[in-house]
Amino acid sequence: MNHLYTIIALDIADERARQARLDQMAMRATMVSAKEPGVARRGLARALALVSRRSASAARHLDARTADDLRHALVPGE
């Protein structure tokens, strides 16, 4: 009778190991597909950085024009 329990225990252990391998393979497959949206995120980040740089440039240009206008208004004789 003890041999039967040993065989059953080994069978259960093999089944659990097999299931663990399947779960690990599924997790790896999920991780590979999760890396692909990084391309979209990276592209979006680059586009937003470009918009940010352009708006900062426009703000600096506007500040320079405002400063020039203010200087001309405050300096008498020009």
Foldseek 3Di string as FASTA:
>chain_A
DVVVVVVVVVVVVVVVVVVVVVVVVVVVVVVVVVCVCVVVVVVVVVVVVVVVVVVVVVVVVVVVVVVVVVVVVPDPPD
